[in-house]
Amino acid sequence: MDISGEQHLDIKHDVIKKRLDSRGNVIEITKQDGIGASKIDKPLQKHGGSHNNSNETYCGSCYGAKATSNNVNDENCCNTCEQVREAYRKKGWALSNPDMIDQCKREGFLQKIKDEEGEGCNVYGFLEVNKVAGNFHFAPGKSFQQSNIHVHDLLSFQKDSFNISHKINRLSFGEYFPGVVNPLDGVEWTHEFITPSPNGMYQYFIKVVPTVYTHVSGQVIQSNQFSVTEHIRTSEYGNIQFLPGVFFFYDLSPIKVTFAEEYISFLHFLTNVCAIVGGVFTVSGILDSFIYHGHKVIKKMEIGKFS
């Protein structure tokens, strides 16, 4: 999200996300729909669910969060736990106990959340952003927009502490060019669960400097450098005052830096060589004169002729 008002939630294009176990090994996922399955073998008919005998189409209840129309369509049916949660989010309601929802209970939603305890993730890819100040962040829970406020659904996790330990293998703004140093490459931070700070928001404040690199061959690379400062905010147990996660706040500098490679002429090289040789010869002459006159003075002192 940036100051121009543009927001992109739950980004999936050009960004690859992999689940990791507690040892850092990749967990292979057989289905692509995330938690819960979309296929319904024996749907439950409680809480207002309906079943159309003419075409064997099941329409699950949205538990009061469906649209006002009575027509049976995709917008009014909640056949999965995720669809019920999405309907509640659109209404601005809180889903306090997913285990009371037939769809969530059937899919074992809470149990699968518990089974994911101790897991981590690996995220890599690239984003295209506007050239204005903004931020991107990694945080638990599904993100959505509610009353013009960016919100993450943390209720389903049913926990009051989140481990935001992280390692940044590489972070850059733009293409690589020779000599660039990205200060966050290889940076690692481990979250220590010390009372009273079980949760944290780790923040990186980045100043991006536009950079133009011109190779000796004439190739021009439009890229960026950046500097960074770090800050962490913590909260007490049972009191999540802010969204736990890793946040990157970036702003662009009004100054542009230009690097250019160029050949040195042979005459310039010859002039430098002559200057070096002349300097060495001059210094050698000074040292030789100093040693010679010093030796003569010492000889005179030894024979008593020094006055």
Protein backbone atom coordinates (compact mmCIF):
# COMPACT_ATOMS: atom_id res chain seq x y z
CA MET A 1 0.00 0.00 0.00
CA ASP A 2 1.23 3.54 -0.73
CA ILE A 3 0.31 7.14 -0.08
CA SER A 4 -1.50 7.40 -3.42
CA GLY A 5 -4.17 5.07 -2.00
CA GLU A 6 -3.30 2.02 -4.09
CA GLN A 7 -3.47 -1.29 -2.21
CA HIS A 8 -2.83 -4.90 -3.14
CA LEU A 9 -3.92 -7.54 -0.62
CA ASP A 10 -2.84 -11.17 -0.34
CA ILE A 11 -0.47 -10.89 -3.30
CA LYS A 12 0.05 -14.11 -5.27
CA HIS A 13 1.20 -13.11 -8.76
CA ASP A 14 4.99 -13.05 -9.18
CA VAL A 15 5.36 -14.04 -5.52
CA ILE A 16 6.01 -17.64 -4.50
CA LYS A 17 5.11 -18.78 -0.98
CA LYS A 18 6.27 -22.10 0.49
CA ARG A 19 5.43 -23.67 3.83
CA LEU A 20 8.37 -24.76 5.98
CA ASP A 21 8.47 -27.10 8.95
CA SER A 22 10.27 -26.29 12.20
CA ARG A 23 13.55 -27.54 10.67
CA GLY A 24 13.26 -25.35 7.59
CA ASN A 25 12.30 -28.12 5.17
CA VAL A 26 9.70 -27.39 2.49
CA ILE A 27 6.27 -28.93 3.13
CA GLU A 28 4.78 -30.28 -0.06
CA ILE A 29 1.14 -29.18 -0.54
CA THR A 30 -1.06 -31.52 -2.52
CA LYS A 31 -4.03 -29.18 -2.92
CA GLN A 32 -4.00 -25.56 -3.99
CA ASP A 33 -7.03 -24.26 -2.09
CA GLY A 34 -5.27 -23.77 1.23
CA ILE A 35 -7.04 -24.78 4.42
CA GLY A 36 -10.22 -26.75 3.82
CA ALA A 37 -11.43 -28.51 0.68
CA SER A 38 -13.94 -27.12 -1.77
CA LYS A 39 -15.45 -30.52 -2.56
CA ILE A 40 -18.50 -31.45 -0.47
CA ASP A 41 -19.30 -35.15 -0.33
CA LYS A 42 -22.05 -35.16 2.32
CA PRO A 43 -23.04 -31.56 3.07
CA LEU A 44 -24.69 -30.78 6.37
CA GLN A 45 -28.18 -29.28 6.23
CA LYS A 46 -28.16 -27.41 9.53
CA HIS A 47 -28.63 -23.69 10.09
CA GLY A 48 -30.57 -22.94 6.94
CA GLY A 49 -28.61 -24.93 4.36
CA SER A 50 -30.70 -25.95 1.35
CA HIS A 51 -30.54 -28.72 -1.22
CA ASN A 52 -32.09 -28.48 -4.68
CA ASN A 53 -33.29 -31.96 -5.66
CA SER A 54 -33.74 -31.01 -9.32
CA ASN A 55 -30.07 -30.50 -10.10
CA GLU A 56 -28.41 -31.86 -6.93
CA THR A 57 -27.00 -28.41 -6.15
CA TYR A 58 -26.16 -27.75 -2.52
CA CYS A 59 -26.30 -24.25 -1.05
CA GLY A 60 -24.66 -23.95 2.36
CA SER A 61 -25.79 -21.43 4.94
CA CYS A 62 -23.84 -18.21 5.43
CA TYR A 63 -25.18 -17.97 9.02
CA GLY A 64 -26.98 -14.68 8.48
CA ALA A 65 -24.22 -13.04 6.43
CA LYS A 66 -25.57 -13.84 2.95
CA ALA A 67 -26.92 -11.24 0.52
CA THR A 68 -30.51 -10.00 0.80
CA SER A 69 -31.62 -11.77 -2.39
CA ASN A 70 -33.37 -15.14 -1.99
CA ASN A 71 -32.02 -16.56 -5.24
CA VAL A 72 -29.70 -19.54 -4.90
CA ASN A 73 -26.43 -18.44 -6.48
CA ASP A 74 -22.74 -18.31 -5.67
CA GLU A 75 -23.06 -15.04 -3.73
CA ASN A 76 -25.73 -16.41 -1.40
CA CYS A 77 -24.19 -19.84 -0.80
CA CYS A 78 -21.37 -20.59 1.61
CA ASN A 79 -20.28 -24.15 0.93
CA THR A 80 -16.86 -23.90 2.57
CA CYS A 81 -15.47 -22.47 5.78
CA GLU A 82 -13.55 -19.83 3.83
CA GLN A 83 -16.75 -18.68 2.10
CA VAL A 84 -18.50 -18.27 5.46
CA ARG A 85 -15.57 -16.27 6.81
CA GLU A 86 -15.51 -14.13 3.65
CA ALA A 87 -19.24 -13.43 3.98
CA TYR A 88 -18.72 -12.34 7.59
CA ARG A 89 -15.84 -10.08 6.57
CA LYS A 90 -17.99 -8.39 3.92
CA LYS A 91 -20.62 -7.69 6.57
CA GLY A 92 -18.02 -6.44 9.03
CA TRP A 93 -18.93 -9.13 11.55
CA ALA A 94 -16.58 -11.08 13.80
CA LEU A 95 -16.50 -14.86 13.54
CA SER A 96 -15.73 -15.66 17.17
CA ASN A 97 -15.89 -19.46 17.08
CA PRO A 98 -15.26 -21.19 13.72
CA ASP A 99 -15.89 -24.58 15.33
CA MET A 100 -19.59 -23.67 15.59
CA ILE A 101 -19.80 -23.36 11.79
CA ASP A 102 -20.78 -26.63 10.11
CA GLN A 103 -18.49 -26.05 7.14
CA CYS A 104 -15.50 -25.24 9.35
CA LYS A 105 -16.21 -28.18 11.64
CA ARG A 106 -16.52 -30.57 8.70
CA GLU A 107 -13.22 -29.37 7.22
CA GLY A 108 -11.44 -29.51 10.58
CA PHE A 109 -10.43 -25.88 10.27
CA LEU A 110 -9.23 -25.33 13.84
CA GLN A 111 -7.41 -28.65 13.94
CA LYS A 112 -5.51 -27.79 10.78
CA ILE A 113 -4.57 -24.45 12.31
CA LYS A 114 -3.20 -26.30 15.35
CA ASP A 115 -1.33 -28.74 13.11
CA GLU A 116 0.48 -25.80 11.54
CA GLU A 117 1.93 -24.75 14.90
CA GLY A 118 5.67 -24.18 14.64
CA GLU A 119 5.68 -23.85 10.87
CA GLY A 120 7.41 -21.09 8.97
CA CYS A 121 7.40 -19.84 5.41
CA ASN A 122 9.69 -18.91 2.57
CA VAL A 123 8.61 -16.06 0.33
CA TYR A 124 10.41 -14.91 -2.81
CA GLY A 125 9.54 -13.01 -5.95
CA PHE A 126 9.19 -9.40 -7.01
CA LEU A 127 6.68 -6.56 -6.85
CA GLU A 128 6.09 -3.55 -9.04
CA VAL A 129 5.25 -0.46 -6.99
CA ASN A 130 4.56 3.18 -7.71
CA LYS A 131 7.39 5.67 -7.29
CA VAL A 132 5.87 7.14 -4.13
CA ALA A 133 6.27 6.40 -0.43
CA GLY A 134 4.58 3.23 0.77
CA ASN A 135 5.08 -0.08 2.53
CA PHE A 136 4.81 -3.81 2.04
CA HIS A 137 4.59 -6.28 4.89
CA PHE A 138 4.42 -9.94 5.83
CA ALA A 139 1.89 -10.72 8.55
CA PRO A 140 -0.25 -13.67 9.72
CA GLY A 141 -3.91 -13.97 8.80
CA LYS A 142 -5.87 -13.22 5.65
CA SER A 143 -5.83 -9.52 4.75
CA PHE A 144 -8.91 -7.58 3.68
CA GLN A 145 -10.35 -4.08 3.58
CA GLN A 146 -12.94 -3.09 6.19
CA SER A 147 -14.36 0.45 6.39
CA ASN A 148 -11.31 1.79 4.50
CA ILE A 149 -9.02 0.19 7.08
CA HIS A 150 -6.47 -2.52 6.30
CA VAL A 151 -7.23 -5.52 8.57
CA HIS A 152 -5.79 -9.00 9.07
CA ASP A 153 -7.96 -11.86 10.34
CA LEU A 154 -6.05 -13.21 13.37
CA LEU A 155 -9.06 -14.59 15.25
CA SER A 156 -8.94 -17.99 13.59
CA PHE A 157 -5.48 -18.64 15.03
CA GLN A 158 -6.83 -18.32 18.58
CA LYS A 159 -3.48 -17.38 20.06
CA ASP A 160 -1.98 -14.30 21.67
CA SER A 161 1.62 -14.67 20.53
CA PHE A 162 3.24 -14.80 17.09
CA ASN A 163 6.83 -15.63 16.23
CA ILE A 164 8.12 -13.03 13.77
CA SER A 165 11.69 -14.31 13.56
CA HIS A 166 12.95 -13.78 10.04
CA LYS A 167 15.96 -13.82 7.74
CA ILE A 168 16.30 -11.65 4.66
CA ASN A 169 18.35 -13.49 2.06
CA ARG A 170 18.17 -10.66 -0.44
CA LEU A 171 16.26 -7.42 -0.83
CA SER A 172 16.85 -4.96 -3.64
CA PHE A 173 15.00 -2.16 -5.39
CA GLY A 174 15.67 -2.54 -9.09
CA GLU A 175 18.25 -4.39 -11.15
CA TYR A 176 21.70 -5.39 -9.95
CA PHE A 177 24.66 -3.30 -11.10
CA PRO A 178 28.39 -3.69 -10.30
CA GLY A 179 29.39 -2.33 -6.92
CA VAL A 180 25.91 -2.11 -5.41
CA VAL A 181 25.62 -2.99 -1.71
CA ASN A 182 22.19 -3.97 -0.36
CA PRO A 183 22.41 -3.45 3.42
CA LEU A 184 19.64 -5.95 4.26
CA ASP A 185 21.14 -8.94 2.43
CA GLY A 186 21.72 -11.75 4.93
CA VAL A 187 20.16 -9.86 7.86
CA GLU A 188 18.62 -12.21 10.44
CA TRP A 189 16.57 -11.49 13.56
CA THR A 190 15.27 -13.98 16.14
CA HIS A 191 12.19 -13.22 18.22
CA GLU A 192 12.86 -13.86 21.91
CA PHE A 193 9.62 -14.70 23.76
CA ILE A 194 10.43 -12.79 26.93
CA THR A 195 7.60 -11.62 29.20
CA PRO A 196 5.92 -9.24 28.73
CA SER A 197 6.68 -9.03 24.97
CA PRO A 198 5.36 -12.09 23.11
CA ASN A 199 4.34 -10.09 20.02
CA GLY A 200 6.22 -7.65 17.91
CA MET A 201 6.08 -5.49 14.83
CA TYR A 202 9.52 -5.39 13.25
CA GLN A 203 9.92 -2.31 11.09
CA TYR A 204 12.50 -1.40 8.46
CA PHE A 205 12.54 2.24 7.35
CA ILE A 206 14.14 2.39 3.92
CA LYS A 207 15.38 5.43 2.01
CA VAL A 208 15.59 4.57 -1.68
CA VAL A 209 18.04 6.54 -3.83
CA PRO A 210 17.50 6.35 -7.62
CA THR A 211 20.73 5.34 -9.35
CA VAL A 212 21.84 5.32 -12.98
CA TYR A 213 24.78 3.07 -13.88
CA THR A 214 26.42 3.47 -17.29
CA HIS A 215 28.67 0.61 -18.36
CA VAL A 216 31.83 1.24 -20.37
CA SER A 217 30.10 -0.42 -23.32
CA GLY A 218 27.33 2.18 -23.19
CA GLN A 219 24.69 0.00 -21.51
CA VAL A 220 22.57 2.02 -19.07
CA ILE A 221 20.99 0.40 -15.98
CA GLN A 222 18.22 2.27 -14.18
CA SER A 223 18.24 0.97 -10.62
CA ASN A 224 18.26 2.06 -6.97
CA GLN A 225 20.36 1.99 -3.83
CA PHE A 226 18.97 2.29 -0.32
CA SER A 227 19.84 2.88 3.30
CA VAL A 228 17.86 1.47 6.21
CA THR A 229 17.12 1.91 9.91
CA GLU A 230 15.41 -0.70 12.10
CA HIS A 231 12.86 -0.50 14.88
CA ILE A 232 10.75 -3.02 16.82
CA ARG A 233 7.46 -2.43 18.64
CA THR A 234 6.32 -4.90 21.27
CA SER A 235 3.11 -5.57 23.17
CA GLU A 236 2.12 -7.45 26.31
CA TYR A 237 0.52 -10.89 26.55
CA GLY A 238 -3.15 -10.94 25.58
CA ASN A 239 -2.97 -7.39 24.26
CA ILE A 240 -2.15 -7.18 20.55
CA GLN A 241 -2.11 -3.41 20.06
CA PHE A 242 -0.87 -3.65 16.49
CA LEU A 243 -0.46 -6.17 13.73
CA PRO A 244 2.47 -8.55 14.38
CA GLY A 245 4.70 -8.99 11.36
CA VAL A 246 7.64 -7.65 9.38
CA PHE A 247 7.06 -4.25 7.77
CA PHE A 248 9.13 -2.45 5.14
CA PHE A 249 8.41 1.30 4.91
CA TYR A 250 10.10 2.87 1.90
CA ASP A 251 10.46 6.42 0.69
CA LEU A 252 12.23 7.80 -2.39
CA SER A 253 15.02 10.35 -2.21
CA PRO A 254 14.76 13.43 -4.48
CA ILE A 255 18.47 13.03 -5.32
CA LYS A 256 19.71 10.79 -8.11
CA VAL A 257 23.18 9.21 -8.14
CA THR A 258 24.99 8.53 -11.42
CA PHE A 259 27.87 6.10 -11.94
CA ALA A 260 29.70 5.97 -15.26
CA GLU A 261 32.53 3.73 -16.46
CA GLU A 262 34.92 5.15 -19.06
CA TYR A 263 38.24 4.29 -20.73
CA ILE A 264 41.47 6.14 -19.89
CA SER A 265 43.57 7.23 -22.90
CA PHE A 266 47.10 5.90 -23.36
CA LEU A 267 48.54 9.41 -23.07
CA HIS A 268 46.80 9.83 -19.71
CA PHE A 269 48.20 6.48 -18.60
CA LEU A 270 51.71 7.45 -19.73
CA THR A 271 51.48 10.76 -17.86
CA ASN A 272 50.50 8.91 -14.66
CA VAL A 273 53.40 6.48 -15.08
CA CYS A 274 55.86 9.34 -15.54
CA ALA A 275 54.49 11.10 -12.48
CA ILE A 276 54.91 7.93 -10.42
CA VAL A 277 58.46 7.32 -11.67
CA GLY A 278 59.39 10.96 -11.10
CA GLY A 279 57.96 10.88 -7.59
CA VAL A 280 59.88 7.72 -6.73
CA PHE A 281 63.12 9.21 -8.15
CA THR A 282 62.68 12.46 -6.21
CA VAL A 283 61.96 10.72 -2.89
CA SER A 284 64.91 8.36 -3.46
CA GLY A 285 67.21 11.35 -4.10
CA ILE A 286 66.07 13.06 -0.89
CA LEU A 287 66.68 9.92 1.15
CA ASP A 288 70.11 9.38 -0.47
CA SER A 289 71.17 12.99 0.24
CA PHE A 290 69.98 12.75 3.85
CA ILE A 291 71.89 9.51 4.45
CA TYR A 292 75.06 10.84 2.71
CA HIS A 293 75.24 14.11 4.66
CA GLY A 294 74.32 12.38 7.90
CA HIS A 295 77.15 9.88 7.39
CA LYS A 296 79.69 12.73 6.77
CA VAL A 297 78.61 14.51 9.97
CA ILE A 298 79.04 11.31 12.00
CA LYS A 299 82.57 10.79 10.54
CA LYS A 300 83.62 14.32 11.46
CA MET A 301 82.38 13.85 15.00
CA GLU A 302 84.38 10.68 15.33
CA ILE A 303 87.72 12.34 14.32
CA GLY A 304 87.02 15.51 16.32
CA LYS A 305 86.83 17.91 13.40
CA PHE A 306 83.14 18.75 13.86
CA SER A 307 82.66 22.39 14.92
